[in-house]
Amino acid sequence: MSVQDLGAIGEFVSSIAIVITLIFLAVETRRARDATQQSTRQARQRIRTDLSLALAVNPQLAEVMVKMFSEPDPEIVPTASEFGLSTAEGIQVYNYTIAYFRYLEDQFFSDLPETDRFSLEGQVKVISSNPYFEKYWEQSKSMFDPRFQEYVDNLNR
């Protein structure tokens, strides 16, 4: 074999290495982008959950919200009165429910081990078996990702 033949083989091997490197970089870039998107989604989810929990745990804030809106949300008030709750209590429970479902949705989209998936299913089934939560799920499920909606609805069947 001449030096020219060895050089040609070396060029061929280096071109294959470059293609493999480019494929590897494309896969890693996609993974990094997906991880960033998931992290951003989780951060937004935490903010929305914190806002809902602020209303859920603060009776004064719930009362202010009732005063702020001269006509309470028709989706919340009938359910609140149906369960013997004041409008402010209905707002508190509604926001707690939304925060809890957001927590469950966050768990649904995270990379959970199989044992935690069973725990998630159990939590969804338990919370959804409560008539109050079941009614609020039906009222608020449009706020959630369609895949999570389908997951909860399938577990409730």
Foldseek 3Di string as FASTA:
>chain_A
DDPVVVVVVVVVVVVVVVVVVVVVVVVVVVVVVVVVVLVVVVVVLVVLLVVLQVLQPDLVVLVVVCVVDVDDDPLQCVLQVVVPHDSSNSSNVLSNLVSVLSVLLNVVPDPDDPVVVVVSLVVLQVQCVPVSSVSSCVVPVVVDDPVSNVVSVVSND
